[in-house]
Amino acid sequence: MTKLRTIISLAVVFVVAFAGTAVANHIYVDVPTANEFHDEIGEIGDAGCADGFPGNLFKPTDPVKRQQMARFLSRCGGRVAFDEDEANLMGPPGSDFTITDVPFTATADGFVQVTAAGSAWTSQENLCPCRIRWQLTDGTTPSPSPVIGEIDNAPTDDNGSYEPMAINAVYPVARGTTTTFTLQGRWDDADTTAMNFSAFMTVAFFPFSGTINN
């Protein structure tokens, strides 16, 4: 019994570790509410991590096969996607430019945490201080607030001036949907004519059907 509990716990740990308090649906006929693992098993069913068997069966006392465990982990294992890119922006200030983007397909319902870190740079530091903005978006919803930085007019050793930047946000995702998360950059100074951005962006997936605890 101890071994069976360990196997079932491994199958659900990726789901419940990041979940808020939620009551799972009763979706498997062979997992009654009296079952010690009812809520956890219902949670991975709700999230799409486990299809179950015909007749709405979970077969909770059957051993977990390697191929079944592979599916649990593939669908709900906290996958991470990333991209590193840079943008050399020539043109009018005040417009949003794409620095980097990461397309992500959700294999279950859940949330993703998007983070980006990098820097803005200009060789026209004599025309600064220059106000810099970073913004994350999923194509429809911008991050709660952009990150604002400022490049001063003190050049570095390679005759430029840098401003480190970092931002993160959490977005809900639905099973089967592909969402492109984009990091946008902007500078707001009319005197400069060029700005360079570089960033490394990651998208980490956390599947569950509950809510995020703030």
Protein backbone atom coordinates (compact mmCIF):
# COMPACT_ATOMS: atom_id res chain seq x y z
CA MET A 1 0.00 0.00 0.00
CA THR A 2 2.87 2.35 0.76
CA LYS A 3 4.33 1.81 -2.71
CA LEU A 4 0.95 2.43 -4.36
CA ARG A 5 0.50 5.68 -2.44
CA THR A 6 3.95 6.79 -3.52
CA ILE A 7 3.20 6.11 -7.19
CA ILE A 8 -0.10 7.99 -7.07
CA SER A 9 1.52 10.88 -5.22
CA LEU A 10 4.21 11.15 -7.90
CA ALA A 11 1.52 11.36 -10.54
CA VAL A 12 -0.20 14.30 -8.87
CA VAL A 13 2.63 16.20 -7.22
CA PHE A 14 3.22 18.42 -10.25
CA VAL A 15 -0.40 19.51 -10.14
CA VAL A 16 -1.04 20.13 -6.48
CA ALA A 17 2.33 21.67 -5.62
CA PHE A 18 1.36 25.00 -7.19
CA ALA A 19 -2.42 24.81 -6.75
CA GLY A 20 -4.57 26.95 -4.58
CA THR A 21 -7.30 25.45 -2.42
CA ALA A 22 -9.81 23.79 -4.74
CA VAL A 23 -12.32 20.94 -4.53
CA ALA A 24 -11.86 18.59 -7.47
CA ASN A 25 -14.82 17.32 -9.44
CA HIS A 26 -16.05 13.76 -8.95
CA ILE A 27 -15.23 12.58 -12.47
CA TYR A 28 -14.23 8.91 -12.01
CA VAL A 29 -16.91 6.43 -10.96
CA ASP A 30 -14.38 4.14 -9.25
CA VAL A 31 -12.94 6.96 -7.09
CA PRO A 32 -15.61 7.69 -4.46
CA THR A 33 -15.44 10.74 -2.24
CA ALA A 34 -14.33 8.45 0.60
CA ASN A 35 -11.13 7.63 -1.32
CA GLU A 36 -8.11 9.15 0.41
CA PHE A 37 -6.87 10.53 -2.93
CA HIS A 38 -10.26 11.63 -4.35
CA ASP A 39 -9.43 15.33 -4.64
CA GLU A 40 -5.94 14.80 -6.07
CA ILE A 41 -7.14 12.28 -8.66
CA GLY A 42 -10.02 14.54 -9.64
CA GLU A 43 -7.57 17.43 -9.95
CA ILE A 44 -5.40 15.71 -12.55
CA GLY A 45 -8.54 14.70 -14.42
CA ASP A 46 -9.85 18.27 -14.41
CA ALA A 47 -6.51 19.59 -15.61
CA GLY A 48 -6.33 17.13 -18.50
CA CYS A 49 -3.30 15.28 -17.14
CA ALA A 50 -5.15 11.93 -17.00
CA ASP A 51 -7.75 10.73 -19.51
CA GLY A 52 -8.81 7.72 -17.47
CA PHE A 53 -10.30 4.59 -19.04
CA PRO A 54 -13.58 3.91 -20.88
CA GLY A 55 -16.59 4.16 -18.60
CA ASN A 56 -15.11 7.06 -16.58
CA LEU A 57 -12.74 4.72 -14.75
CA PHE A 58 -9.43 5.67 -13.17
CA LYS A 59 -8.51 2.19 -11.89
CA PRO A 60 -6.82 3.64 -8.82
CA THR A 61 -5.45 0.33 -7.53
CA ASP A 62 -3.79 -0.70 -10.81
CA PRO A 63 -0.01 -0.23 -11.04
CA VAL A 64 1.10 2.82 -13.04
CA LYS A 65 2.89 1.82 -16.24
CA ARG A 66 5.92 3.69 -17.52
CA GLN A 67 4.01 4.91 -20.57
CA GLN A 68 1.22 6.25 -18.36
CA MET A 69 3.69 8.06 -16.13
CA ALA A 70 5.30 9.54 -19.26
CA ARG A 71 1.92 10.97 -20.27
CA PHE A 72 1.31 12.45 -16.81
CA LEU A 73 4.68 14.15 -16.83
CA SER A 74 4.47 15.27 -20.46
CA ARG A 75 1.09 16.91 -19.96
CA CYS A 76 1.52 18.30 -16.48
CA GLY A 77 5.19 18.29 -15.59
CA GLY A 78 5.81 22.01 -15.36
CA ARG A 79 7.33 22.40 -18.84
CA VAL A 80 9.49 25.40 -19.73
CA ALA A 81 9.91 27.14 -23.10
CA PHE A 82 12.39 29.92 -23.74
CA ASP A 83 13.92 32.22 -26.32
CA GLU A 84 16.79 34.68 -26.45
CA ASP A 85 16.83 37.52 -28.96
CA GLU A 86 17.68 41.13 -29.50
CA ALA A 87 16.17 44.07 -31.35
CA ASN A 88 18.03 47.01 -32.84
CA LEU A 89 15.37 49.68 -33.04
CA MET A 90 15.65 52.48 -35.55
CA GLY A 91 12.76 54.83 -35.89
CA PRO A 92 10.46 57.15 -34.01
CA PRO A 93 10.37 56.92 -30.22
CA GLY A 94 7.11 56.13 -28.47
CA SER A 95 6.27 52.99 -30.46
CA ASP A 96 6.27 49.43 -29.11
CA PHE A 97 8.76 47.06 -30.72
CA THR A 98 8.98 43.29 -30.29
CA ILE A 99 12.20 42.21 -28.60
CA THR A 100 11.45 38.49 -28.34
CA ASP A 101 8.47 36.15 -28.23
CA VAL A 102 7.78 32.55 -27.18
CA PRO A 103 4.87 30.50 -28.61
CA PHE A 104 3.51 27.98 -26.09
CA THR A 105 0.89 25.23 -26.47
CA ALA A 106 -0.86 24.20 -23.26
CA THR A 107 -1.37 20.46 -22.81
CA ALA A 108 -3.67 21.08 -19.84
CA ASP A 109 -5.54 23.91 -18.17
CA GLY A 110 -3.28 25.96 -15.95
CA PHE A 111 -1.11 29.02 -15.69
CA VAL A 112 2.22 30.15 -17.08
CA GLN A 113 4.75 32.41 -15.45
CA VAL A 114 6.54 34.53 -18.04
CA THR A 115 9.83 36.17 -17.12
CA ALA A 116 12.27 38.23 -19.15
CA ALA A 117 15.61 39.74 -18.22
CA GLY A 118 18.13 41.65 -20.28
CA SER A 119 19.16 45.20 -21.02
CA ALA A 120 18.62 48.27 -23.17
CA TRP A 121 21.61 50.00 -24.73
CA THR A 122 22.37 53.05 -26.86
CA SER A 123 25.51 54.56 -28.33
CA GLN A 124 23.81 57.96 -28.29
CA GLU A 125 24.18 58.39 -24.56
CA ASN A 126 25.07 62.05 -25.08
CA LEU A 127 21.39 62.55 -26.02
CA CYS A 128 20.13 60.93 -22.83
CA PRO A 129 18.79 60.54 -20.15
CA CYS A 130 16.40 58.24 -22.04
CA ARG A 131 13.25 56.69 -20.60
CA ILE A 132 12.92 52.95 -21.35
CA ARG A 133 9.84 50.72 -21.02
CA TRP A 134 9.44 46.92 -21.04
CA GLN A 135 6.00 45.32 -21.42
CA LEU A 136 4.85 41.68 -21.50
CA THR A 137 1.71 40.64 -23.37
CA ASP A 138 -0.07 37.43 -24.39
CA GLY A 139 -1.53 39.15 -27.44
CA THR A 140 -4.66 40.34 -25.64
CA THR A 141 -3.70 41.16 -22.06
CA PRO A 142 -0.68 43.27 -21.13
CA SER A 143 1.15 42.60 -17.90
CA PRO A 144 -0.29 44.46 -14.90
CA SER A 145 2.30 47.20 -15.22
CA PRO A 146 5.32 47.84 -17.43
CA VAL A 147 8.83 48.19 -16.06
CA ILE A 148 10.31 51.64 -16.49
CA GLY A 149 14.05 52.31 -16.61
CA GLU A 150 16.28 55.21 -17.56
CA ILE A 151 19.58 55.36 -19.43
CA ASP A 152 21.76 58.19 -18.19
CA ASN A 153 24.32 60.08 -20.26
CA ALA A 154 27.38 58.46 -18.71
CA PRO A 155 29.08 56.22 -21.32
CA THR A 156 30.60 52.85 -20.46
CA ASP A 157 34.03 51.66 -21.57
CA ASP A 158 32.72 50.65 -25.01
CA ASN A 159 31.20 54.09 -25.66
CA GLY A 160 27.63 53.13 -24.85
CA SER A 161 25.25 53.26 -21.94
CA TYR A 162 23.25 50.30 -20.58
CA GLU A 163 20.15 49.84 -18.45
CA PRO A 164 19.38 46.36 -17.01
CA MET A 165 15.70 45.40 -17.24
CA ALA A 166 13.56 42.56 -15.81
CA ILE A 167 9.83 41.80 -15.76
CA ASN A 168 7.48 38.89 -15.00
CA ALA A 169 3.75 38.15 -15.13
CA VAL A 170 1.36 35.22 -14.73
CA TYR A 171 -1.29 34.32 -17.33
CA PRO A 172 -4.04 31.66 -17.38
CA VAL A 173 -3.93 29.21 -20.31
CA ALA A 174 -6.51 26.73 -21.58
CA ARG A 175 -5.80 23.18 -22.68
CA GLY A 176 -5.05 22.86 -26.38
CA THR A 177 -4.51 26.56 -27.03
CA THR A 178 -1.32 28.07 -28.41
CA THR A 179 -0.42 31.48 -27.04
CA THR A 180 2.49 33.67 -28.09
CA PHE A 181 3.95 35.62 -25.21
CA THR A 182 5.76 38.75 -26.35
CA LEU A 183 8.21 41.11 -24.73
CA GLN A 184 7.93 44.63 -26.13
CA GLY A 185 10.35 47.51 -25.74
CA ARG A 186 9.95 51.26 -26.14
CA TRP A 187 11.98 54.38 -25.58
CA ASP A 188 10.29 57.74 -25.19
CA ASP A 189 12.93 60.32 -26.13
CA ALA A 190 12.66 62.28 -29.36
CA ASP A 191 16.35 63.19 -29.55
CA THR A 192 17.69 59.65 -29.93
CA THR A 193 17.25 57.75 -33.19
CA ALA A 194 18.33 54.25 -32.16
CA MET A 195 18.01 51.91 -29.20
CA ASN A 196 19.15 48.31 -28.75
CA PHE A 197 17.43 45.68 -26.60
CA SER A 198 18.43 42.14 -25.69
CA ALA A 199 16.48 39.72 -23.52
CA PHE A 200 16.14 36.11 -22.43
CA MET A 201 12.51 35.10 -21.91
CA THR A 202 11.14 31.92 -20.28
CA VAL A 203 7.60 30.53 -20.08
CA ALA A 204 7.09 28.05 -17.21
CA PHE A 205 3.84 26.04 -17.20
CA PHE A 206 1.99 25.05 -14.00
CA PRO A 207 -1.17 23.00 -14.54
CA PHE A 208 -4.08 23.01 -12.12
CA SER A 209 -7.73 23.97 -12.00
CA GLY A 210 -7.59 26.03 -8.82
CA THR A 211 -6.61 29.62 -8.29
CA ILE A 212 -3.29 31.25 -7.52
CA ASN A 213 -2.69 32.15 -3.89
CA ASN A 214 -1.46 35.71 -3.73
